[in-house]
Amino acid sequence: MAWTVTIKKKVQKQIRKLPLAVKENLFALLLDIENSGPVRGNWSNYGKLGKNRHHCHLKKGKPTYIVVWEVKDKQIKLVEVTYVGSHEKSPY
């Protein structure tokens, strides 16, 4: 059974402002999470931020873009993206 990935409304607005290459990386990551789950050790600078929070870099350099997601329910396999944007404004 695949994972379901939801995106907060605030994050949907943030996605519109991202450069095209970063958007492409984000959508590839979301597809990877849907197919293989939230733990993505094969992605650049992936790390756990707590028990159910994860992050990784979508683009290195200046500015660095990151994505943060949270496992909402392991039983029904639900993940929610809580932040996408520059590293400087990240919530961790």
PDB file of N, CA and C in Angstrom:
ATOM      1  N   MET A   1       0.837  -1.185   0.000  1.00  0.00           N
ATOM      2  CA  MET A   1       0.000   0.000   0.000  1.00  0.00           C
ATOM      3  C   MET A   1       0.880   1.246   0.000  1.00  0.00           C
ATOM      4  N   ALA A   2       0.581   2.171  -0.849  1.00  0.00           N
ATOM      5  CA  ALA A   2       1.365   3.404  -0.979  1.00  0.00           C
ATOM      6  C   ALA A   2       1.019   4.384   0.140  1.00  0.00           C
ATOM      7  N   TRP A   3       1.937   5.305   0.365  1.00  0.00           N
ATOM      8  CA  TRP A   3       1.713   6.379   1.330  1.00  0.00           C
ATOM      9  C   TRP A   3       0.934   7.503   0.666  1.00  0.00           C
ATOM     10  N   THR A   4       0.135   8.214   1.457  1.00  0.00           N
ATOM     11  CA  THR A   4      -0.591   9.387   0.978  1.00  0.00           C
ATOM     12  C   THR A   4       0.165  10.621   1.443  1.00  0.00           C
ATOM     13  N   VAL A   5       0.466  11.527   0.531  1.00  0.00           N
ATOM     14  CA  VAL A   5       1.187  12.755   0.855  1.00  0.00           C
ATOM     15  C   VAL A   5       0.231  13.927   0.687  1.00  0.00           C
ATOM     16  N   THR A   6       0.047  14.707   1.761  1.00  0.00           N
ATOM     17  CA  THR A   6      -0.763  15.920   1.688  1.00  0.00           C
ATOM     18  C   THR A   6       0.161  17.126   1.839  1.00  0.00           C
ATOM     19  N   ILE A   7      -0.299  18.260   1.331  1.00  0.00           N
ATOM     20  CA  ILE A   7       0.497  19.491   1.375  1.00  0.00           C
ATOM     21  C   ILE A   7      -0.352  20.580   2.013  1.00  0.00           C
ATOM     22  N   LYS A   8       0.171  21.202   3.073  1.00  0.00           N
ATOM     23  CA  LYS A   8      -0.554  22.290   3.725  1.00  0.00           C
ATOM     24  C   LYS A   8      -0.824  23.420   2.730  1.00  0.00           C
ATOM     25  N   LYS A   9      -1.907  24.160   2.940  1.00  0.00           N
ATOM     26  CA  LYS A   9      -2.255  25.276   2.041  1.00  0.00           C
ATOM     27  C   LYS A   9      -1.142  26.318   1.984  1.00  0.00           C
ATOM     28  N   LYS A  10      -0.537  26.618   3.108  1.00  0.00           N
ATOM     29  CA  LYS A  10       0.565  27.589   3.149  1.00  0.00           C
ATOM     30  C   LYS A  10       1.729  27.113   2.275  1.00  0.00           C
ATOM     31  N   VAL A  11       1.994  25.814   2.314  1.00  0.00           N
ATOM     32  CA  VAL A  11       3.080  25.239   1.526  1.00  0.00           C
ATOM     33  C   VAL A  11       2.746  25.285   0.038  1.00  0.00           C
ATOM     34  N   GLN A  12       1.484  25.101  -0.312  1.00  0.00           N
ATOM     35  CA  GLN A  12       1.078  25.184  -1.717  1.00  0.00           C
ATOM     36  C   GLN A  12       1.403  26.561  -2.287  1.00  0.00           C
ATOM     37  N   LYS A  13       1.224  27.599  -1.484  1.00  0.00           N
ATOM     38  CA  LYS A  13       1.571  28.955  -1.918  1.00  0.00           C
ATOM     39  C   LYS A  13       3.080  29.111  -2.043  1.00  0.00           C
ATOM     40  N   GLN A  14       3.841  28.487  -1.126  1.00  0.00           N
ATOM     41  CA  GLN A  14       5.301  28.559  -1.176  1.00  0.00           C
ATOM     42  C   GLN A  14       5.826  27.876  -2.434  1.00  0.00           C
ATOM     43  N   ILE A  15       5.205  26.787  -2.834  1.00  0.00           N
ATOM     44  CA  ILE A  15       5.651  26.021  -4.004  1.00  0.00           C
ATOM     45  C   ILE A  15       5.581  26.877  -5.268  1.00  0.00           C
ATOM     46  N   ARG A  16       4.558  27.706  -5.381  1.00  0.00           N
ATOM     47  CA  ARG A  16       4.399  28.556  -6.571  1.00  0.00           C
ATOM     48  C   ARG A  16       5.573  29.500  -6.772  1.00  0.00           C
ATOM     49  N   LYS A  17       6.237  29.880  -5.696  1.00  0.00           N
ATOM     50  CA  LYS A  17       7.339  30.841  -5.758  1.00  0.00           C
ATOM     51  C   LYS A  17       8.701  30.189  -6.012  1.00  0.00           C
ATOM     52  N   LEU A  18       8.758  28.869  -6.005  1.00  0.00           N
ATOM     53  CA  LEU A  18      10.036  28.166  -6.159  1.00  0.00           C
ATOM     54  C   LEU A  18      10.519  28.176  -7.606  1.00  0.00           C
ATOM     55  N   PRO A  19      11.840  28.142  -7.806  1.00  0.00           N
ATOM     56  CA  PRO A  19      12.381  27.981  -9.169  1.00  0.00           C
ATOM     57  C   PRO A  19      11.969  26.620  -9.752  1.00  0.00           C
ATOM     58  N   LEU A  20      11.904  26.528 -11.054  1.00  0.00           N
ATOM     59  CA  LEU A  20      11.437  25.320 -11.732  1.00  0.00           C
ATOM     60  C   LEU A  20      12.234  24.077 -11.326  1.00  0.00           C
ATOM     61  N   ALA A  21      13.556  24.170 -11.284  1.00  0.00           N
ATOM     62  CA  ALA A  21      14.384  23.007 -10.938  1.00  0.00           C
ATOM     63  C   ALA A  21      14.075  22.506  -9.530  1.00  0.00           C
ATOM     64  N   VAL A  22      13.801  23.415  -8.611  1.00  0.00           N
ATOM     65  CA  VAL A  22      13.475  23.036  -7.232  1.00  0.00           C
ATOM     66  C   VAL A  22      12.106  22.362  -7.191  1.00  0.00           C
ATOM     67  N   LYS A  23      11.146  22.882  -7.959  1.00  0.00           N
ATOM     68  CA  LYS A  23       9.822  22.261  -8.040  1.00  0.00           C
ATOM     69  C   LYS A  23       9.933  20.834  -8.563  1.00  0.00           C
ATOM     70  N   GLU A  24      10.746  20.646  -9.593  1.00  0.00           N
ATOM     71  CA  GLU A  24      10.918  19.304 -10.166  1.00  0.00           C
ATOM     72  C   GLU A  24      11.492  18.345  -9.133  1.00  0.00           C
ATOM     73  N   ASN A  25      12.491  18.804  -8.372  1.00  0.00           N
ATOM     74  CA  ASN A  25      13.066  17.964  -7.315  1.00  0.00           C
ATOM     75  C   ASN A  25      12.035  17.659  -6.237  1.00  0.00           C
ATOM     76  N   LEU A  26      11.227  18.650  -5.878  1.00  0.00           N
ATOM     77  CA  LEU A  26      10.191  18.457  -4.865  1.00  0.00           C
ATOM     78  C   LEU A  26       9.196  17.390  -5.310  1.00  0.00           C
ATOM     79  N   PHE A  27       8.710  17.499  -6.543  1.00  0.00           N
ATOM     80  CA  PHE A  27       7.721  16.529  -7.016  1.00  0.00           C
ATOM     81  C   PHE A  27       8.318  15.127  -7.140  1.00  0.00           C
ATOM     82  N   ALA A  28       9.599  15.031  -7.485  1.00  0.00           N
ATOM     83  CA  ALA A  28      10.271  13.722  -7.516  1.00  0.00           C
ATOM     84  C   ALA A  28      10.360  13.145  -6.101  1.00  0.00           C
ATOM     85  N   LEU A  29      10.672  13.994  -5.120  1.00  0.00           N
ATOM     86  CA  LEU A  29      10.742  13.540  -3.730  1.00  0.00           C
ATOM     87  C   LEU A  29       9.375  13.080  -3.240  1.00  0.00           C
ATOM     88  N   LEU A  30       8.331  13.852  -3.528  1.00  0.00           N
ATOM     89  CA  LEU A  30       6.985  13.478  -3.093  1.00  0.00           C
ATOM     90  C   LEU A  30       6.557  12.145  -3.694  1.00  0.00           C
ATOM     91  N   LEU A  31       6.894  11.919  -4.937  1.00  0.00           N
ATOM     92  CA  LEU A  31       6.597  10.644  -5.583  1.00  0.00           C
ATOM     93  C   LEU A  31       7.368   9.509  -4.906  1.00  0.00           C
ATOM     94  N   ASP A  32       8.617   9.773  -4.561  1.00  0.00           N
ATOM     95  CA  ASP A  32       9.449   8.794  -3.863  1.00  0.00           C
ATOM     96  C   ASP A  32       8.863   8.467  -2.486  1.00  0.00           C
ATOM     97  N   ILE A  33       8.380   9.487  -1.768  1.00  0.00           N
ATOM     98  CA  ILE A  33       7.756   9.261  -0.459  1.00  0.00           C
ATOM     99  C   ILE A  33       6.489   8.437  -0.612  1.00  0.00           C
ATOM    100  N   GLU A  34       5.676   8.747  -1.620  1.00  0.00           N
ATOM    101  CA  GLU A  34       4.453   7.980  -1.850  1.00  0.00           C
ATOM    102  C   GLU A  34       4.748   6.508  -2.103  1.00  0.00           C
ATOM    103  N   ASN A  35       5.797   6.238  -2.863  1.00  0.00           N
ATOM    104  CA  ASN A  35       6.111   4.856  -3.243  1.00  0.00           C
ATOM    105  C   ASN A  35       6.914   4.099  -2.189  1.00  0.00           C
ATOM    106  N   SER A  36       7.800   4.795  -1.469  1.00  0.00           N
ATOM    107  CA  SER A  36       8.742   4.097  -0.595  1.00  0.00           C
ATOM    108  C   SER A  36       8.677   4.495   0.871  1.00  0.00           C
ATOM    109  N   GLY A  37       7.844   5.462   1.221  1.00  0.00           N
ATOM    110  CA  GLY A  37       7.711   5.860   2.617  1.00  0.00           C
ATOM    111  C   GLY A  37       8.503   7.108   2.956  1.00  0.00           C
ATOM    112  N   PRO A  38       8.325   7.613   4.188  1.00  0.00           N
ATOM    113  CA  PRO A  38       8.886   8.912   4.578  1.00  0.00           C
ATOM    114  C   PRO A  38      10.378   8.927   4.873  1.00  0.00           C
ATOM    115  N   VAL A  39      10.998   7.811   5.158  1.00  0.00           N
ATOM    116  CA  VAL A  39      12.433   7.789   5.454  1.00  0.00           C
ATOM    117  C   VAL A  39      13.191   7.740   4.129  1.00  0.00           C
ATOM    118  N   ARG A  40      13.886   8.839   3.785  1.00  0.00           N
ATOM    119  CA  ARG A  40      14.509   8.976   2.480  1.00  0.00           C
ATOM    120  C   ARG A  40      16.005   9.179   2.597  1.00  0.00           C
ATOM    121  N   GLY A  41      16.712   8.201   3.066  1.00  0.00           N
ATOM    122  CA  GLY A  41      18.158   8.277   3.214  1.00  0.00           C
ATOM    123  C   GLY A  41      18.913   8.420   1.908  1.00  0.00           C
ATOM    124  N   ASN A  42      18.253   8.182   0.771  1.00  0.00           N
ATOM    125  CA  ASN A  42      18.907   8.286  -0.533  1.00  0.00           C
ATOM    126  C   ASN A  42      18.848   9.707  -1.093  1.00  0.00           C
ATOM    127  N   TRP A  43      18.298  10.664  -0.343  1.00  0.00           N
ATOM    128  CA  TRP A  43      18.212  12.055  -0.786  1.00  0.00           C
ATOM    129  C   TRP A  43      19.271  12.898  -0.104  1.00  0.00           C
ATOM    130  N   SER A  44      19.674  13.974  -0.761  1.00  0.00           N
ATOM    131  CA  SER A  44      20.733  14.859  -0.288  1.00  0.00           C
ATOM    132  C   SER A  44      20.413  15.472   1.071  1.00  0.00           C
ATOM    133  N   ASN A  45      21.351  15.333   1.996  1.00  0.00           N
ATOM    134  CA  ASN A  45      21.246  15.914   3.330  1.00  0.00           C
ATOM    135  C   ASN A  45      19.936  15.567   4.027  1.00  0.00           C
ATOM    136  N   TYR A  46      19.450  14.352   3.821  1.00  0.00           N
ATOM    137  CA  TYR A  46      18.259  13.888   4.519  1.00  0.00           C
ATOM    138  C   TYR A  46      18.581  13.765   6.003  1.00  0.00           C
ATOM    139  N   GLY A  47      17.609  14.109   6.842  1.00  0.00           N
ATOM    140  CA  GLY A  47      17.787  13.932   8.276  1.00  0.00           C
ATOM    141  C   GLY A  47      16.454  13.907   8.993  1.00  0.00           C
ATOM    142  N   LYS A  48      16.441  13.232  10.141  1.00  0.00           N
ATOM    143  CA  LYS A  48      15.257  13.235  10.988  1.00  0.00           C
ATOM    144  C   LYS A  48      15.338  14.440  11.902  1.00  0.00           C
ATOM    145  N   LEU A  49      14.225  15.099  12.106  1.00  0.00           N
ATOM    146  CA  LEU A  49      14.163  16.271  12.981  1.00  0.00           C
ATOM    147  C   LEU A  49      13.484  15.930  14.304  1.00  0.00           C
ATOM    148  N   GLY A  50      13.105  14.725  14.460  1.00  0.00           N
ATOM    149  CA  GLY A  50      12.400  14.263  15.655  1.00  0.00           C
ATOM    150  C   GLY A  50      11.826  12.901  15.344  1.00  0.00           C
ATOM    151  N   LYS A  51      10.923  12.464  16.183  1.00  0.00           N
ATOM    152  CA  LYS A  51      10.360  11.132  16.010  1.00  0.00           C
ATOM    153  C   LYS A  51       9.631  10.972  14.677  1.00  0.00           C
ATOM    154  N   ASN A  52       8.818  11.956  14.311  1.00  0.00           N
ATOM    155  CA  ASN A  52       8.006  11.832  13.094  1.00  0.00           C
ATOM    156  C   ASN A  52       8.256  12.930  12.069  1.00  0.00           C
ATOM    157  N   ARG A  53       9.294  13.761  12.266  1.00  0.00           N
ATOM    158  CA  ARG A  53       9.588  14.851  11.320  1.00  0.00           C
ATOM    159  C   ARG A  53      10.878  14.555  10.564  1.00  0.00           C
ATOM    160  N   HIS A  54      10.884  14.906   9.283  1.00  0.00           N
ATOM    161  CA  HIS A  54      12.023  14.647   8.411  1.00  0.00           C
ATOM    162  C   HIS A  54      12.281  15.879   7.551  1.00  0.00           C
ATOM    163  N   HIS A  55      13.500  15.963   6.995  1.00  0.00           N
ATOM    164  CA  HIS A  55      13.797  17.043   6.056  1.00  0.00           C
ATOM    165  C   HIS A  55      14.893  16.587   5.098  1.00  0.00           C
ATOM    166  N   CYS A  56      15.001  17.271   3.975  1.00  0.00           N
ATOM    167  CA  CYS A  56      16.138  17.082   3.079  1.00  0.00           C
ATOM    168  C   CYS A  56      16.275  18.313   2.199  1.00  0.00           C
ATOM    169  N   HIS A  57      17.417  18.429   1.554  1.00  0.00           N
ATOM    170  CA  HIS A  57      17.703  19.562   0.691  1.00  0.00           C
ATOM    171  C   HIS A  57      17.216  19.258  -0.720  1.00  0.00           C
ATOM    172  N   LEU A  58      16.560  20.223  -1.323  1.00  0.00           N
ATOM    173  CA  LEU A  58      16.128  20.108  -2.718  1.00  0.00           C
ATOM    174  C   LEU A  58      17.153  20.721  -3.655  1.00  0.00           C
ATOM    175  N   LYS A  59      17.905  21.716  -3.154  1.00  0.00           N
ATOM    176  CA  LYS A  59      18.945  22.375  -3.941  1.00  0.00           C
ATOM    177  C   LYS A  59      20.005  22.897  -2.986  1.00  0.00           C
ATOM    178  N   LYS A  60      21.245  22.573  -3.288  1.00  0.00           N
ATOM    179  CA  LYS A  60      22.365  23.075  -2.496  1.00  0.00           C
ATOM    180  C   LYS A  60      22.817  24.414  -3.055  1.00  0.00           C
ATOM    181  N   GLY A  61      23.687  25.089  -2.326  1.00  0.00           N
ATOM    182  CA  GLY A  61      24.212  26.367  -2.792  1.00  0.00           C
ATOM    183  C   GLY A  61      23.481  27.515  -2.147  1.00  0.00           C
ATOM    184  N   LYS A  62      23.540  28.657  -2.811  1.00  0.00           N
ATOM    185  CA  LYS A  62      22.869  29.846  -2.275  1.00  0.00           C
ATOM    186  C   LYS A  62      21.812  30.302  -3.261  1.00  0.00           C
ATOM    187  N   PRO A  63      20.572  30.344  -2.879  1.00  0.00           N
ATOM    188  CA  PRO A  63      20.054  29.851  -1.603  1.00  0.00           C
ATOM    189  C   PRO A  63      19.859  28.334  -1.622  1.00  0.00           C
ATOM    190  N   THR A  64      19.893  27.743  -0.446  1.00  0.00           N
ATOM    191  CA  THR A  64      19.613  26.324  -0.287  1.00  0.00           C
ATOM    192  C   THR A  64      18.117  26.172  -0.041  1.00  0.00           C
ATOM    193  N   TYR A  65      17.480  25.266  -0.771  1.00  0.00           N
ATOM    194  CA  TYR A  65      16.054  25.018  -0.591  1.00  0.00           C
ATOM    195  C   TYR A  65      15.866  23.673   0.099  1.00  0.00           C
ATOM    196  N   ILE A  66      14.937  23.646   1.058  1.00  0.00           N
ATOM    197  CA  ILE A  66      14.672  22.423   1.805  1.00  0.00           C
ATOM    198  C   ILE A  66      13.182  22.127   1.814  1.00  0.00           C
ATOM    199  N   VAL A  67      12.852  20.902   2.207  1.00  0.00           N
ATOM    200  CA  VAL A  67      11.475  20.498   2.425  1.00  0.00           C
ATOM    201  C   VAL A  67      11.420  19.776   3.768  1.00  0.00           C
ATOM    202  N   VAL A  68      10.348  20.029   4.514  1.00  0.00           N
ATOM    203  CA  VAL A  68      10.128  19.382   5.805  1.00  0.00           C
ATOM    204  C   VAL A  68       8.786  18.665   5.730  1.00  0.00           C
ATOM    205  N   TRP A  69       8.754  17.401   6.175  1.00  0.00           N
ATOM    206  CA  TRP A  69       7.502  16.665   6.192  1.00  0.00           C
ATOM    207  C   TRP A  69       7.369  15.922   7.507  1.00  0.00           C
ATOM    208  N   GLU A  70       6.129  15.562   7.810  1.00  0.00           N
ATOM    209  CA  GLU A  70       5.803  14.956   9.093  1.00  0.00           C
ATOM    210  C   GLU A  70       4.893  13.752   8.860  1.00  0.00           C
ATOM    211  N   VAL A  71       5.181  12.658   9.562  1.00  0.00           N
ATOM    212  CA  VAL A  71       4.318  11.481   9.499  1.00  0.00           C
ATOM    213  C   VAL A  71       3.139  11.747  10.424  1.00  0.00           C
ATOM    214  N   LYS A  72       1.947  11.814   9.861  1.00  0.00           N
ATOM    215  CA  LYS A  72       0.743  12.098  10.645  1.00  0.00           C
ATOM    216  C   LYS A  72       0.114  10.824  11.197  1.00  0.00           C
ATOM    217  N   ASP A  73       0.166   9.741  10.420  1.00  0.00           N
ATOM    218  CA  ASP A  73      -0.451   8.485  10.859  1.00  0.00           C
ATOM    219  C   ASP A  73       0.251   7.319  10.172  1.00  0.00           C
ATOM    220  N   LYS A  74       0.890   6.472  10.962  1.00  0.00           N
ATOM    221  CA  LYS A  74       1.604   5.318  10.396  1.00  0.00           C
ATOM    222  C   LYS A  74       0.641   4.213   9.981  1.00  0.00           C
ATOM    223  N   GLN A  75      -0.513   4.124  10.650  1.00  0.00           N
ATOM    224  CA  GLN A  75      -1.484   3.081  10.342  1.00  0.00           C
ATOM    225  C   GLN A  75      -2.051   3.246   8.930  1.00  0.00           C
ATOM    226  N   ILE A  76      -2.475   4.456   8.616  1.00  0.00           N
ATOM    227  CA  ILE A  76      -3.059   4.682   7.287  1.00  0.00           C
ATOM    228  C   ILE A  76      -2.039   5.263   6.308  1.00  0.00           C
ATOM    229  N   LYS A  77      -0.780   5.356   6.757  1.00  0.00           N
ATOM    230  CA  LYS A  77       0.335   5.821   5.924  1.00  0.00           C
ATOM    231  C   LYS A  77       0.087   7.211   5.363  1.00  0.00           C
ATOM    232  N   LEU A  78       0.022   8.191   6.253  1.00  0.00           N
ATOM    233  CA  LEU A  78      -0.254   9.576   5.892  1.00  0.00           C
ATOM    234  C   LEU A  78       0.932  10.462   6.256  1.00  0.00           C
ATOM    235  N   VAL A  79       1.408  11.239   5.269  1.00  0.00           N
ATOM    236  CA  VAL A  79       2.523  12.168   5.446  1.00  0.00           C
ATOM    237  C   VAL A  79       2.039  13.552   5.029  1.00  0.00           C
ATOM    238  N   GLU A  80       2.442  14.587   5.784  1.00  0.00           N
ATOM    239  CA  GLU A  80       2.065  15.959   5.437  1.00  0.00           C
ATOM    240  C   GLU A  80       3.320  16.809   5.274  1.00  0.00           C
ATOM    241  N   VAL A  81       3.415  17.511   4.147  1.00  0.00           N
ATOM    242  CA  VAL A  81       4.514  18.447   3.906  1.00  0.00           C
ATOM    243  C   VAL A  81       4.181  19.726   4.660  1.00  0.00           C
ATOM    244  N   THR A  82       5.090  20.162   5.562  1.00  0.00           N
ATOM    245  CA  THR A  82       4.814  21.315   6.411  1.00  0.00           C
ATOM    246  C   THR A  82       5.614  22.555   6.025  1.00  0.00           C
ATOM    247  N   TYR A  83       6.687  22.397   5.222  1.00  0.00           N
ATOM    248  CA  TYR A  83       7.484  23.555   4.806  1.00  0.00           C
ATOM    249  C   TYR A  83       8.262  23.235   3.543  1.00  0.00           C
ATOM    250  N   VAL A  84       8.298  24.187   2.636  1.00  0.00           N
ATOM    251  CA  VAL A  84       9.167  24.154   1.460  1.00  0.00           C
ATOM    252  C   VAL A  84       9.675  25.567   1.275  1.00  0.00           C
ATOM    253  N   GLY A  85      10.981  25.724   1.154  1.00  0.00           N
ATOM    254  CA  GLY A  85      11.527  27.051   0.926  1.00  0.00           C
ATOM    255  C   GLY A  85      12.997  27.126   1.235  1.00  0.00           C
ATOM    256  N   SER A  86      13.471  28.343   1.421  1.00  0.00           N
ATOM    257  CA  SER A  86      14.897  28.545   1.658  1.00  0.00           C
ATOM    258  C   SER A  86      15.280  28.079   3.057  1.00  0.00           C
ATOM    259  N   HIS A  87      16.513  27.683   3.194  1.00  0.00           N
ATOM    260  CA  HIS A  87      17.032  27.182   4.452  1.00  0.00           C
ATOM    261  C   HIS A  87      16.993  28.254   5.537  1.00  0.00           C
ATOM    262  N   GLU A  88      17.172  29.518   5.157  1.00  0.00           N
ATOM    263  CA  GLU A  88      17.227  30.615   6.122  1.00  0.00           C
ATOM    264  C   GLU A  88      15.907  30.780   6.874  1.00  0.00           C
ATOM    265  N   LYS A  89      14.795  30.479   6.232  1.00  0.00           N
ATOM    266  CA  LYS A  89      13.492  30.681   6.856  1.00  0.00           C
ATOM    267  C   LYS A  89      12.887  29.375   7.391  1.00  0.00           C
ATOM    268  N   SER A  90      13.678  28.328   7.455  1.00  0.00           N
ATOM    269  CA  SER A  90      13.168  27.025   7.838  1.00  0.00           C
ATOM    270  C   SER A  90      12.721  26.983   9.307  1.00  0.00           C
ATOM    271  N   PRO A  91      11.733  26.136   9.606  1.00  0.00           N
ATOM    272  CA  PRO A  91      11.170  26.082  10.951  1.00  0.00           C
ATOM    273  C   PRO A  91      11.910  25.161  11.923  1.00  0.00           C
ATOM    274  N   TYR A  92      13.172  24.904  11.706  1.00  0.00           N
ATOM    275  CA  TYR A  92      13.896  24.055  12.665  1.00  0.00           C
ATOM    276  C   TYR A  92      15.179  24.675  13.111  1.00  0.00           C
TER     277      TYR A  92
END
